[in-house]
PDB file of N, CA and C in Angstrom:
ATOM      1  N   UNK A   1       7.826 -17.154   4.959  1.00  0.00           N
ATOM      2  CA  UNK A   1       7.341 -15.817   5.270  1.00  0.00           C
ATOM      3  C   UNK A   1       8.309 -14.787   4.703  1.00  0.00           C
ATOM      4  N   UNK A   2       7.769 -13.718   4.177  1.00  0.00           N
ATOM      5  CA  UNK A   2       8.599 -12.663   3.614  1.00  0.00           C
ATOM      6  C   UNK A   2       9.274 -11.853   4.711  1.00  0.00           C
ATOM      7  N   UNK A   3      10.463 -11.377   4.414  1.00  0.00           N
ATOM      8  CA  UNK A   3      11.187 -10.489   5.335  1.00  0.00           C
ATOM      9  C   UNK A   3      10.493  -9.142   5.365  1.00  0.00           C
ATOM     10  N   UNK A   4      10.642  -8.391   6.469  1.00  0.00           N
ATOM     11  CA  UNK A   4      10.057  -7.044   6.525  1.00  0.00           C
ATOM     12  C   UNK A   4      10.552  -6.195   5.363  1.00  0.00           C
ATOM     13  N   UNK A   5       9.710  -5.294   4.920  1.00  0.00           N
ATOM     14  CA  UNK A   5      10.029  -4.460   3.775  1.00  0.00           C
ATOM     15  C   UNK A   5      10.614  -3.120   4.164  1.00  0.00           C
ATOM     16  N   UNK A   6      10.653  -2.237   3.178  1.00  0.00           N
ATOM     17  CA  UNK A   6      11.177  -0.902   3.423  1.00  0.00           C
ATOM     18  C   UNK A   6      10.308   0.119   2.702  1.00  0.00           C
ATOM     19  N   UNK A   7      10.375   1.343   3.147  1.00  0.00           N
ATOM     20  CA  UNK A   7       9.628   2.443   2.553  1.00  0.00           C
ATOM     21  C   UNK A   7      10.621   3.492   2.081  1.00  0.00           C
ATOM     22  N   UNK A   8      10.189   4.264   1.109  1.00  0.00           N
ATOM     23  CA  UNK A   8      11.035   5.328   0.562  1.00  0.00           C
ATOM     24  C   UNK A   8      10.300   6.663   0.674  1.00  0.00           C
ATOM     25  N   UNK A   9      11.071   7.745   0.626  1.00  0.00           N
ATOM     26  CA  UNK A   9      10.489   9.074   0.734  1.00  0.00           C
ATOM     27  C   UNK A   9       9.601   9.428  -0.443  1.00  0.00           C
ATOM     28  N   UNK A  10       9.965   8.967  -1.635  1.00  0.00           N
ATOM     29  CA  UNK A  10       9.141   9.195  -2.812  1.00  0.00           C
ATOM     30  C   UNK A  10       9.418   8.103  -3.828  1.00  0.00           C
ATOM     31  N   UNK A  11       8.543   7.990  -4.772  1.00  0.00           N
ATOM     32  CA  UNK A  11       8.605   6.907  -5.745  1.00  0.00           C
ATOM     33  C   UNK A  11       9.609   7.208  -6.851  1.00  0.00           C
ATOM     34  N   UNK A  12      10.897   7.194  -6.499  1.00  0.00           N
ATOM     35  CA  UNK A  12      11.939   7.472  -7.485  1.00  0.00           C
ATOM     36  C   UNK A  12      13.181   6.627  -7.237  1.00  0.00           C
ATOM     37  N   UNK A  13      13.003   5.468  -6.712  1.00  0.00           N
ATOM     38  CA  UNK A  13      14.136   4.598  -6.366  1.00  0.00           C
ATOM     39  C   UNK A  13      14.199   3.358  -7.262  1.00  0.00           C
ATOM     40  N   UNK A  14      13.684   3.449  -8.482  1.00  0.00           N
ATOM     41  CA  UNK A  14      13.631   2.269  -9.339  1.00  0.00           C
ATOM     42  C   UNK A  14      15.003   1.647  -9.592  1.00  0.00           C
ATOM     43  N   UNK A  15      16.036   2.488  -9.783  1.00  0.00           N
ATOM     44  CA  UNK A  15      17.376   1.939 -10.033  1.00  0.00           C
ATOM     45  C   UNK A  15      17.891   1.190  -8.807  1.00  0.00           C
ATOM     46  N   UNK A  16      17.685   1.764  -7.635  1.00  0.00           N
ATOM     47  CA  UNK A  16      18.089   1.104  -6.394  1.00  0.00           C
ATOM     48  C   UNK A  16      17.329  -0.208  -6.225  1.00  0.00           C
ATOM     49  N   UNK A  17      16.030  -0.168  -6.453  1.00  0.00           N
ATOM     50  CA  UNK A  17      15.205  -1.358  -6.297  1.00  0.00           C
ATOM     51  C   UNK A  17      15.662  -2.475  -7.230  1.00  0.00           C
ATOM     52  N   UNK A  18      15.967  -2.116  -8.469  1.00  0.00           N
ATOM     53  CA  UNK A  18      16.461  -3.123  -9.413  1.00  0.00           C
ATOM     54  C   UNK A  18      17.817  -3.666  -8.995  1.00  0.00           C
ATOM     55  N   UNK A  19      18.682  -2.797  -8.484  1.00  0.00           N
ATOM     56  CA  UNK A  19      20.031  -3.225  -8.091  1.00  0.00           C
ATOM     57  C   UNK A  19      19.997  -4.231  -6.952  1.00  0.00           C
ATOM     58  N   UNK A  20      19.066  -4.049  -6.017  1.00  0.00           N
ATOM     59  CA  UNK A  20      19.011  -4.989  -4.890  1.00  0.00           C
ATOM     60  C   UNK A  20      17.996  -6.105  -5.117  1.00  0.00           C
ATOM     61  N   UNK A  21      17.248  -6.010  -6.210  1.00  0.00           N
ATOM     62  CA  UNK A  21      16.286  -7.053  -6.536  1.00  0.00           C
ATOM     63  C   UNK A  21      15.066  -7.085  -5.634  1.00  0.00           C
ATOM     64  N   UNK A  22      14.761  -5.938  -5.065  1.00  0.00           N
ATOM     65  CA  UNK A  22      13.610  -5.895  -4.158  1.00  0.00           C
ATOM     66  C   UNK A  22      12.957  -4.510  -4.209  1.00  0.00           C
ATOM     67  N   UNK A  23      11.715  -4.441  -4.662  1.00  0.00           N
ATOM     68  CA  UNK A  23      11.041  -3.146  -4.716  1.00  0.00           C
ATOM     69  C   UNK A  23      10.639  -2.661  -3.326  1.00  0.00           C
ATOM     70  N   UNK A  24      10.507  -1.357  -3.201  1.00  0.00           N
ATOM     71  CA  UNK A  24      10.026  -0.779  -1.948  1.00  0.00           C
ATOM     72  C   UNK A  24       8.575  -1.198  -1.733  1.00  0.00           C
ATOM     73  N   UNK A  25       8.207  -1.391  -0.483  1.00  0.00           N
ATOM     74  CA  UNK A  25       6.832  -1.746  -0.164  1.00  0.00           C
ATOM     75  C   UNK A  25       5.918  -0.522  -0.140  1.00  0.00           C
ATOM     76  N   UNK A  26       6.484   0.634   0.180  1.00  0.00           N
ATOM     77  CA  UNK A  26       5.706   1.857   0.357  1.00  0.00           C
ATOM     78  C   UNK A  26       6.508   3.066  -0.096  1.00  0.00           C
ATOM     79  N   UNK A  27       5.798   4.131  -0.423  1.00  0.00           N
ATOM     80  CA  UNK A  27       6.421   5.429  -0.690  1.00  0.00           C
ATOM     81  C   UNK A  27       5.604   6.496   0.036  1.00  0.00           C
ATOM     82  N   UNK A  28       6.291   7.396   0.748  1.00  0.00           N
ATOM     83  CA  UNK A  28       5.596   8.462   1.455  1.00  0.00           C
ATOM     84  C   UNK A  28       4.897   9.361   0.438  1.00  0.00           C
ATOM     85  N   UNK A  29       5.601   9.706  -0.647  1.00  0.00           N
ATOM     86  CA  UNK A  29       5.015  10.499  -1.731  1.00  0.00           C
ATOM     87  C   UNK A  29       4.963   9.642  -2.980  1.00  0.00           C
ATOM     88  N   UNK A  30       3.978   9.881  -3.810  1.00  0.00           N
ATOM     89  CA  UNK A  30       3.942   9.164  -5.076  1.00  0.00           C
ATOM     90  C   UNK A  30       4.726   9.946  -6.136  1.00  0.00           C
ATOM     91  N   UNK A  31       4.653   9.511  -7.357  1.00  0.00           N
ATOM     92  CA  UNK A  31       5.436  10.131  -8.421  1.00  0.00           C
ATOM     93  C   UNK A  31       5.049  11.579  -8.684  1.00  0.00           C
ATOM     94  N   UNK A  32       3.847  11.984  -8.288  1.00  0.00           N
ATOM     95  CA  UNK A  32       3.420  13.368  -8.505  1.00  0.00           C
ATOM     96  C   UNK A  32       4.195  14.347  -7.635  1.00  0.00           C
ATOM     97  N   UNK A  33       4.757  13.864  -6.515  1.00  0.00           N
ATOM     98  CA  UNK A  33       5.524  14.713  -5.615  1.00  0.00           C
ATOM     99  C   UNK A  33       4.672  15.506  -4.642  1.00  0.00           C
ATOM    100  N   UNK A  34       3.358  15.363  -4.723  1.00  0.00           N
ATOM    101  CA  UNK A  34       2.479  16.077  -3.806  1.00  0.00           C
ATOM    102  C   UNK A  34       2.578  15.507  -2.399  1.00  0.00           C
ATOM    103  N   UNK A  35       2.407  16.366  -1.411  1.00  0.00           N
ATOM    104  CA  UNK A  35       2.404  15.907  -0.022  1.00  0.00           C
ATOM    105  C   UNK A  35       1.239  14.934   0.172  1.00  0.00           C
ATOM    106  N   UNK A  36       1.461  13.839   0.852  1.00  0.00           N
ATOM    107  CA  UNK A  36       0.374  12.889   1.072  1.00  0.00           C
ATOM    108  C   UNK A  36      -0.602  13.394   2.140  1.00  0.00           C
ATOM    109  N   UNK A  37      -1.823  12.984   2.017  1.00  0.00           N
ATOM    110  CA  UNK A  37      -2.841  13.290   3.017  1.00  0.00           C
ATOM    111  C   UNK A  37      -2.692  12.307   4.174  1.00  0.00           C
ATOM    112  N   UNK A  38      -3.220  12.641   5.359  1.00  0.00           N
ATOM    113  CA  UNK A  38      -3.137  11.710   6.490  1.00  0.00           C
ATOM    114  C   UNK A  38      -3.676  10.319   6.158  1.00  0.00           C
ATOM    115  N   UNK A  39      -4.721  10.254   5.358  1.00  0.00           N
ATOM    116  CA  UNK A  39      -5.269   8.955   4.980  1.00  0.00           C
ATOM    117  C   UNK A  39      -4.334   8.141   4.109  1.00  0.00           C
ATOM    118  N   UNK A  40      -3.424   8.810   3.406  1.00  0.00           N
ATOM    119  CA  UNK A  40      -2.433   8.116   2.587  1.00  0.00           C
ATOM    120  C   UNK A  40      -1.321   7.527   3.448  1.00  0.00           C
ATOM    121  N   UNK A  41      -1.024   8.196   4.549  1.00  0.00           N
ATOM    122  CA  UNK A  41       0.089   7.789   5.411  1.00  0.00           C
ATOM    123  C   UNK A  41      -0.352   6.747   6.448  1.00  0.00           C
ATOM    124  N   UNK A  42      -1.613   6.746   6.791  1.00  0.00           N
ATOM    125  CA  UNK A  42      -2.118   5.846   7.832  1.00  0.00           C
ATOM    126  C   UNK A  42      -1.811   4.370   7.567  1.00  0.00           C
ATOM    127  N   UNK A  43      -2.024   3.851   6.352  1.00  0.00           N
ATOM    128  CA  UNK A  43      -1.679   2.441   6.107  1.00  0.00           C
ATOM    129  C   UNK A  43      -0.183   2.165   6.265  1.00  0.00           C
ATOM    130  N   UNK A  44       0.657   3.135   5.882  1.00  0.00           N
ATOM    131  CA  UNK A  44       2.099   2.971   6.058  1.00  0.00           C
ATOM    132  C   UNK A  44       2.447   2.921   7.536  1.00  0.00           C
ATOM    133  N   UNK A  45       1.860   3.797   8.327  1.00  0.00           N
ATOM    134  CA  UNK A  45       2.111   3.797   9.771  1.00  0.00           C
ATOM    135  C   UNK A  45       1.675   2.471  10.389  1.00  0.00           C
ATOM    136  N   UNK A  46       0.530   1.956   9.969  1.00  0.00           N
ATOM    137  CA  UNK A  46       0.057   0.658  10.463  1.00  0.00           C
ATOM    138  C   UNK A  46       1.056  -0.444  10.121  1.00  0.00           C
ATOM    139  N   UNK A  47       1.613  -0.398   8.903  1.00  0.00           N
ATOM    140  CA  UNK A  47       2.595  -1.412   8.493  1.00  0.00           C
ATOM    141  C   UNK A  47       3.869  -1.305   9.318  1.00  0.00           C
ATOM    142  N   UNK A  48       4.299  -0.077   9.639  1.00  0.00           N
ATOM    143  CA  UNK A  48       5.484   0.116  10.482  1.00  0.00           C
ATOM    144  C   UNK A  48       5.229  -0.467  11.871  1.00  0.00           C
ATOM    145  N   UNK A  49       4.097  -0.131  12.452  1.00  0.00           N
ATOM    146  CA  UNK A  49       3.776  -0.607  13.797  1.00  0.00           C
ATOM    147  C   UNK A  49       3.617  -2.122  13.851  1.00  0.00           C
ATOM    148  N   UNK A  50       3.178  -2.725  12.745  1.00  0.00           N
ATOM    149  CA  UNK A  50       3.021  -4.180  12.682  1.00  0.00           C
ATOM    150  C   UNK A  50       4.333  -4.895  12.376  1.00  0.00           C
ATOM    151  N   UNK A  51       5.412  -4.134  12.135  1.00  0.00           N
ATOM    152  CA  UNK A  51       6.706  -4.744  11.834  1.00  0.00           C
ATOM    153  C   UNK A  51       6.868  -5.157  10.387  1.00  0.00           C
ATOM    154  N   UNK A  52       5.946  -4.742   9.522  1.00  0.00           N
ATOM    155  CA  UNK A  52       6.025  -5.096   8.107  1.00  0.00           C
ATOM    156  C   UNK A  52       6.997  -4.200   7.348  1.00  0.00           C
ATOM    157  N   UNK A  53       7.294  -3.031   7.897  1.00  0.00           N
ATOM    158  CA  UNK A  53       8.254  -2.093   7.302  1.00  0.00           C
ATOM    159  C   UNK A  53       9.286  -1.781   8.371  1.00  0.00           C
ATOM    160  N   UNK A  54      10.553  -2.074   8.079  1.00  0.00           N
ATOM    161  CA  UNK A  54      11.610  -1.902   9.068  1.00  0.00           C
ATOM    162  C   UNK A  54      12.575  -0.778   8.753  1.00  0.00           C
ATOM    163  N   UNK A  55      12.491  -0.213   7.550  1.00  0.00           N
ATOM    164  CA  UNK A  55      13.461   0.785   7.129  1.00  0.00           C
ATOM    165  C   UNK A  55      12.762   1.851   6.303  1.00  0.00           C
ATOM    166  N   UNK A  56      13.125   3.108   6.538  1.00  0.00           N
ATOM    167  CA  UNK A  56      12.609   4.224   5.755  1.00  0.00           C
ATOM    168  C   UNK A  56      13.799   4.954   5.147  1.00  0.00           C
ATOM    169  N   UNK A  57      13.891   4.937   3.816  1.00  0.00           N
ATOM    170  CA  UNK A  57      14.963   5.627   3.115  1.00  0.00           C
ATOM    171  C   UNK A  57      14.504   7.036   2.781  1.00  0.00           C
ATOM    172  N   UNK A  58      15.229   8.021   3.264  1.00  0.00           N
ATOM    173  CA  UNK A  58      14.895   9.411   2.994  1.00  0.00           C
ATOM    174  C   UNK A  58      16.011  10.073   2.202  1.00  0.00           C
ATOM    175  N   UNK A  59      15.660  11.072   1.449  1.00  0.00           N
ATOM    176  CA  UNK A  59      16.654  11.835   0.715  1.00  0.00           C
ATOM    177  C   UNK A  59      16.524  13.302   1.104  1.00  0.00           C
ATOM    178  N   UNK A  60      17.300  14.155   0.493  1.00  0.00           N
ATOM    179  CA  UNK A  60      17.315  15.573   0.856  1.00  0.00           C
ATOM    180  C   UNK A  60      15.985  16.267   0.581  1.00  0.00           C
ATOM    181  N   UNK A  61      15.177  15.718  -0.312  1.00  0.00           N
ATOM    182  CA  UNK A  61      13.896  16.332  -0.647  1.00  0.00           C
ATOM    183  C   UNK A  61      12.761  15.923   0.283  1.00  0.00           C
ATOM    184  N   UNK A  62      12.980  14.935   1.112  1.00  0.00           N
ATOM    185  CA  UNK A  62      11.927  14.413   1.983  1.00  0.00           C
ATOM    186  C   UNK A  62      12.167  14.889   3.405  1.00  0.00           C
ATOM    187  N   UNK A  63      11.168  15.496   3.982  1.00  0.00           N
ATOM    188  CA  UNK A  63      11.251  15.997   5.352  1.00  0.00           C
ATOM    189  C   UNK A  63      11.443  14.832   6.325  1.00  0.00           C
ATOM    190  N   UNK A  64      12.520  14.833   7.121  1.00  0.00           N
ATOM    191  CA  UNK A  64      12.764  13.726   8.055  1.00  0.00           C
ATOM    192  C   UNK A  64      11.705  13.620   9.147  1.00  0.00           C
ATOM    193  N   UNK A  65      10.856  14.620   9.298  1.00  0.00           N
ATOM    194  CA  UNK A  65       9.780  14.535  10.289  1.00  0.00           C
ATOM    195  C   UNK A  65       8.817  13.393   9.982  1.00  0.00           C
ATOM    196  N   UNK A  66       8.797  12.940   8.704  1.00  0.00           N
ATOM    197  CA  UNK A  66       7.949  11.808   8.360  1.00  0.00           C
ATOM    198  C   UNK A  66       8.303  10.583   9.186  1.00  0.00           C
ATOM    199  N   UNK A  67       9.571  10.379   9.457  1.00  0.00           N
ATOM    200  CA  UNK A  67       9.993   9.219  10.237  1.00  0.00           C
ATOM    201  C   UNK A  67       9.369   9.238  11.621  1.00  0.00           C
ATOM    202  N   UNK A  68       9.247  10.403  12.204  1.00  0.00           N
ATOM    203  CA  UNK A  68       8.645  10.508  13.530  1.00  0.00           C
ATOM    204  C   UNK A  68       7.153  10.214  13.511  1.00  0.00           C
ATOM    205  N   UNK A  69       6.459  10.565  12.448  1.00  0.00           N
ATOM    206  CA  UNK A  69       5.019  10.325  12.382  1.00  0.00           C
ATOM    207  C   UNK A  69       4.691   8.863  12.127  1.00  0.00           C
ATOM    208  N   UNK A  70       5.668   8.096  11.695  1.00  0.00           N
ATOM    209  CA  UNK A  70       5.419   6.707  11.344  1.00  0.00           C
ATOM    210  C   UNK A  70       5.614   5.723  12.481  1.00  0.00           C
ATOM    211  N   UNK A  71       6.210   6.132  13.529  1.00  0.00           N
ATOM    212  CA  UNK A  71       6.427   5.141  14.581  1.00  0.00           C
ATOM    213  C   UNK A  71       6.621   5.753  15.862  1.00  0.00           C
TER     214      UNK A  71
END
């Protein structure tokens, strides 16, 4: 069985993902940088609640309030 994954604030962690040899399972924002719609976040929230995502990496550009909406 795979270990729980992690999510990132936006799809810009390719160097980090390569360094640890494990891609992020989810991104709150995609490469366009647009705010996600509730329907975009709902599957991520379901994955968090199911224990499939255990860590959310945020940076200065990502509103930390996202962490509260996910769990």
